[in-house]
Amino acid sequence: MALLASTLRNVHMYRSLIVRTGRCIGFGDPHYVTFDGTYYGFQGNCSYILVKEIDPKYNFSIIIDNVYCGAVDGLSCPKSLTIHYKSFEIYMSQEVSPGKVTNLIYVNHKRVYPAYSNNDFQITDNGIEALLVIPAIGAQIMFSGLQFSIELPWSKFHGNTEGQCGTCDNNRKDDCRLPNGTIDSSCPDMAHHWRVNDSCPEPPPPPPPHTCPPETICKIISSK
């Protein structure tokens, strides 16, 4: 896991230096890598702010909705992303049925079918992942169920993001920023503070341990 985290950070740093963008990704159950390359795990089951402008310029923000995946250990998985831009609310999720994955896209609560575009953004779908591109601010948001990525240009967002994706300023020391502007020493602890709802579902109770009746154990011992 340490090697994976180190590799992801190096890839992020190299990519940022070349193309001058910040890239936040999430994958699995879930793991996060911030815009500046800080890796952390987080198992919250609620709606959280992934990205928010510190100084609002574009009315842009992204919310992630995590749900428990059904695992006995209470792991959570990304269910959807909700992107706010100008007066638009863009919802990205997936519906999985046997042998088929369908991307579900809604714009202002009305379902749309990629490829979709208007004067402000475009949405495409390759059958596995959906991609939202907002040309005016250089944003690209990808969602594929258990994985997402958010790319923002430094020229427009440098030093002006907060949320679970951290502060996009090429400085990992302030990635664990809290809503009040202070820096937490732990990004997993920080992530809880970006919860949107006051109440969230509790994790499912663990299954009862499997025990054998004492007489069964005695029979096994006596038979040897």
Protein backbone atom coordinates (compact mmCIF):
# COMPACT_ATOMS: atom_id res chain seq x y z
CA MET A 1 0.00 0.00 0.00
CA ALA A 2 2.89 2.38 0.79
CA LEU A 3 4.39 1.69 -2.65
CA LEU A 4 1.01 2.38 -4.31
CA ALA A 5 0.64 5.67 -2.46
CA SER A 6 4.19 6.72 -3.37
CA THR A 7 3.67 5.83 -7.03
CA LEU A 8 0.39 7.78 -7.20
CA ARG A 9 2.02 10.84 -5.64
CA ASN A 10 4.91 10.73 -8.10
CA VAL A 11 2.55 10.38 -11.06
CA HIS A 12 0.53 13.35 -9.82
CA MET A 13 3.58 15.53 -9.35
CA TYR A 14 5.01 14.67 -12.78
CA ARG A 15 1.68 15.24 -14.50
CA SER A 16 1.11 18.57 -12.74
CA LEU A 17 4.51 19.86 -13.75
CA ILE A 18 3.91 18.95 -17.40
CA VAL A 19 0.31 20.03 -17.98
CA ARG A 20 -0.18 22.48 -15.09
CA THR A 21 -3.39 20.95 -13.81
CA GLY A 22 -4.50 19.55 -10.49
CA ARG A 23 -6.01 16.07 -10.55
CA CYS A 24 -7.97 14.53 -7.69
CA ILE A 25 -8.92 10.87 -7.93
CA GLY A 26 -10.88 8.37 -5.90
CA PHE A 27 -11.09 4.63 -6.30
CA GLY A 28 -12.13 1.46 -4.51
CA ASP A 29 -13.66 1.57 -1.08
CA PRO A 30 -12.69 4.48 -1.33
CA HIS A 31 -9.12 5.73 -1.51
CA TYR A 32 -8.40 9.36 -2.31
CA VAL A 33 -5.48 11.22 -3.87
CA THR A 34 -5.75 15.00 -3.52
CA PHE A 35 -4.93 17.58 -6.17
CA ASP A 36 -1.42 17.82 -4.72
CA GLY A 37 -0.85 14.06 -4.43
CA THR A 38 -1.69 13.28 -0.80
CA TYR A 39 -3.05 9.74 -0.49
CA TYR A 40 -5.53 8.72 2.21
CA GLY A 41 -8.32 6.23 2.86
CA PHE A 42 -11.78 7.23 4.02
CA GLN A 43 -14.83 5.07 4.82
CA GLY A 44 -17.51 7.67 5.44
CA ASN A 45 -21.06 6.83 4.38
CA CYS A 46 -22.74 10.12 3.57
CA SER A 47 -22.65 13.08 1.18
CA TYR A 48 -19.45 15.14 1.28
CA ILE A 49 -17.96 18.16 -0.45
CA LEU A 50 -15.17 16.97 -2.73
CA VAL A 51 -14.35 20.36 -4.24
CA LYS A 52 -15.49 23.85 -3.34
CA GLU A 53 -14.12 27.27 -4.22
CA ILE A 54 -12.68 29.17 -1.27
CA ASP A 55 -13.35 32.46 -3.04
CA PRO A 56 -16.41 31.86 -5.29
CA LYS A 57 -15.67 32.84 -8.89
CA TYR A 58 -17.46 30.29 -11.07
CA ASN A 59 -20.20 28.93 -8.75
CA PHE A 60 -18.45 25.56 -9.04
CA SER A 61 -18.52 22.69 -6.54
CA ILE A 62 -18.67 18.89 -6.48
CA ILE A 63 -20.42 16.66 -3.94
CA ILE A 64 -19.83 12.92 -3.60
CA ASP A 65 -22.42 10.53 -2.21
CA ASN A 66 -20.89 7.43 -0.57
CA VAL A 67 -22.94 4.38 0.37
CA TYR A 68 -22.11 1.11 2.12
CA CYS A 69 -21.22 -1.52 -0.46
CA GLY A 70 -22.78 -4.46 1.36
CA ALA A 71 -19.44 -5.75 2.65
CA VAL A 72 -19.49 -7.28 6.14
CA ASP A 73 -16.75 -4.88 7.28
CA GLY A 74 -18.82 -1.79 6.40
CA LEU A 75 -16.78 -0.52 3.44
CA SER A 76 -18.27 2.40 1.53
CA CYS A 77 -18.23 3.07 -2.21
CA PRO A 78 -18.93 6.13 -4.37
CA LYS A 79 -22.54 6.15 -5.56
CA SER A 80 -22.66 9.45 -7.43
CA LEU A 81 -21.14 12.86 -8.09
CA THR A 82 -23.20 16.04 -8.16
CA ILE A 83 -21.55 18.97 -9.92
CA HIS A 84 -22.78 22.52 -9.49
CA TYR A 85 -21.75 25.07 -12.10
CA LYS A 86 -23.45 28.39 -12.70
CA SER A 87 -27.17 27.54 -12.45
CA PHE A 88 -26.68 23.88 -13.42
CA GLU A 89 -26.82 20.79 -11.25
CA ILE A 90 -25.29 17.78 -13.02
CA TYR A 91 -25.76 14.37 -11.46
CA MET A 92 -23.54 11.44 -12.49
CA SER A 93 -24.20 7.88 -11.34
CA GLN A 94 -24.44 4.32 -12.63
CA GLU A 95 -26.98 1.53 -12.74
CA VAL A 96 -25.52 -1.98 -12.75
CA SER A 97 -27.51 -5.00 -13.90
CA PRO A 98 -26.29 -8.48 -14.88
CA GLY A 99 -23.93 -8.02 -17.81
CA LYS A 100 -24.67 -4.33 -18.26
CA VAL A 101 -23.57 -0.97 -16.87
CA THR A 102 -25.65 2.13 -17.62
CA ASN A 103 -24.42 5.64 -16.88
CA LEU A 104 -27.17 7.78 -15.39
CA ILE A 105 -26.84 11.50 -16.11
CA TYR A 106 -29.28 14.19 -14.97
CA VAL A 107 -29.10 17.92 -15.67
CA ASN A 108 -31.28 20.01 -13.36
CA HIS A 109 -33.15 16.84 -12.36
CA LYS A 110 -33.96 15.88 -15.95
CA ARG A 111 -32.31 12.80 -17.43
CA VAL A 112 -30.10 13.36 -20.46
CA TYR A 113 -28.40 10.84 -22.73
CA PRO A 114 -24.77 11.30 -23.84
CA ALA A 115 -23.42 12.55 -26.04
CA TYR A 116 -25.04 15.69 -24.65
CA SER A 117 -23.93 19.30 -24.94
CA ASN A 118 -25.13 22.84 -24.46
CA ASN A 119 -23.41 26.24 -24.49
CA ASP A 120 -21.68 25.56 -21.15
CA PHE A 121 -20.56 21.91 -21.06
CA GLN A 122 -20.40 18.55 -22.83
CA ILE A 123 -21.02 15.04 -21.51
CA THR A 124 -19.80 11.88 -23.24
CA ASP A 125 -20.16 8.21 -22.40
CA ASN A 126 -17.98 5.33 -23.64
CA GLY A 127 -20.14 2.64 -22.06
CA ILE A 128 -17.97 2.34 -18.96
CA GLU A 129 -17.33 5.88 -17.78
CA ALA A 130 -19.01 9.24 -18.22
CA LEU A 131 -16.99 12.41 -18.80
CA LEU A 132 -18.13 15.97 -18.13
CA VAL A 133 -16.10 18.77 -19.74
CA ILE A 134 -16.62 22.44 -18.88
CA PRO A 135 -14.48 24.35 -21.42
CA ALA A 136 -14.82 27.85 -19.93
CA ILE A 137 -13.09 26.83 -16.69
CA GLY A 138 -11.05 23.91 -18.09
CA ALA A 139 -12.69 21.35 -15.79
CA GLN A 140 -12.96 17.64 -16.58
CA ILE A 141 -14.88 15.28 -14.31
CA MET A 142 -14.96 11.51 -14.91
CA PHE A 143 -17.16 9.00 -13.10
CA SER A 144 -17.23 5.23 -13.56
CA GLY A 145 -18.88 3.86 -10.48
CA LEU A 146 -15.99 2.81 -8.24
CA GLN A 147 -13.65 5.43 -9.65
CA PHE A 148 -13.72 9.17 -10.29
CA SER A 149 -11.28 11.87 -11.33
CA ILE A 150 -11.43 15.65 -11.30
CA GLU A 151 -9.02 17.80 -13.32
CA LEU A 152 -8.79 21.55 -12.81
CA PRO A 153 -6.31 24.01 -14.38
CA TRP A 154 -3.97 25.86 -12.06
CA SER A 155 -4.55 29.05 -14.02
CA LYS A 156 -8.11 29.24 -12.69
CA PHE A 157 -8.11 27.23 -9.44
CA HIS A 158 -4.61 27.50 -7.96
CA GLY A 159 -4.93 28.06 -4.21
CA ASN A 160 -8.71 28.38 -4.42
CA THR A 161 -10.10 24.89 -3.68
CA GLU A 162 -11.07 23.14 -0.47
CA GLY A 163 -12.92 19.95 0.42
CA GLN A 164 -11.89 16.30 0.46
CA CYS A 165 -9.75 16.84 -2.66
CA GLY A 166 -7.62 19.34 -0.79
CA THR A 167 -6.17 22.71 -1.78
CA CYS A 168 -4.88 22.83 -5.36
CA ASP A 169 -1.62 24.73 -4.80
CA ASN A 170 1.17 22.13 -5.20
CA ASN A 171 1.67 22.10 -1.42
CA ARG A 172 0.67 18.95 0.46
CA LYS A 173 1.04 20.61 3.84
CA ASP A 174 -2.37 22.30 3.54
CA ASP A 175 -4.26 19.42 1.88
CA CYS A 176 -6.13 18.51 5.09
CA ARG A 177 -7.92 21.87 5.25
CA LEU A 178 -11.05 22.10 7.41
CA PRO A 179 -14.14 24.19 6.54
CA ASN A 180 -13.00 26.87 9.02
CA GLY A 181 -9.68 27.26 7.18
CA THR A 182 -7.46 25.54 9.74
CA ILE A 183 -5.28 22.56 8.80
CA ASP A 184 -5.88 19.14 10.36
CA SER A 185 -2.94 16.81 10.86
CA SER A 186 -4.99 13.90 9.47
CA CYS A 187 -6.78 13.89 6.10
CA PRO A 188 -9.11 10.99 7.08
CA ASP A 189 -10.20 13.07 10.10
CA MET A 190 -10.52 16.16 7.90
CA ALA A 191 -12.73 14.31 5.40
CA HIS A 192 -15.52 13.82 7.98
CA HIS A 193 -15.81 17.59 8.45
CA TRP A 194 -16.91 18.06 4.81
CA ARG A 195 -20.14 16.17 5.38
CA VAL A 196 -23.17 17.79 3.75
CA ASN A 197 -25.89 16.15 5.86
CA ASP A 198 -26.19 16.28 9.64
CA SER A 199 -27.26 12.64 9.86
CA CYS A 200 -25.95 9.68 7.91
CA PRO A 201 -26.83 5.97 7.88
CA GLU A 202 -25.05 3.82 10.41
CA PRO A 203 -22.88 0.94 9.16
CA PRO A 204 -24.58 -2.46 9.07
CA PRO A 205 -24.06 -4.53 12.22
CA PRO A 206 -21.35 -7.19 11.91
CA PRO A 207 -22.60 -10.75 11.51
CA PRO A 208 -22.64 -12.79 14.72
CA PRO A 209 -19.51 -14.91 15.19
CA HIS A 210 -19.82 -18.53 14.22
CA THR A 211 -19.45 -20.74 17.25
CA CYS A 212 -19.54 -24.48 17.68
CA PRO A 213 -21.42 -26.10 20.55
CA PRO A 214 -18.99 -27.25 23.28
CA GLU A 215 -20.11 -30.83 22.93
CA THR A 216 -19.05 -30.80 19.27
CA ILE A 217 -15.52 -29.76 20.22
CA CYS A 218 -15.39 -32.47 22.88
CA LYS A 219 -16.41 -35.13 20.37
CA ILE A 220 -13.67 -34.01 17.99
CA ILE A 221 -11.03 -34.17 20.74
CA SER A 222 -12.18 -37.52 22.06
CA SER A 223 -12.21 -39.04 18.60
CA LYS A 224 -8.44 -38.44 18.14
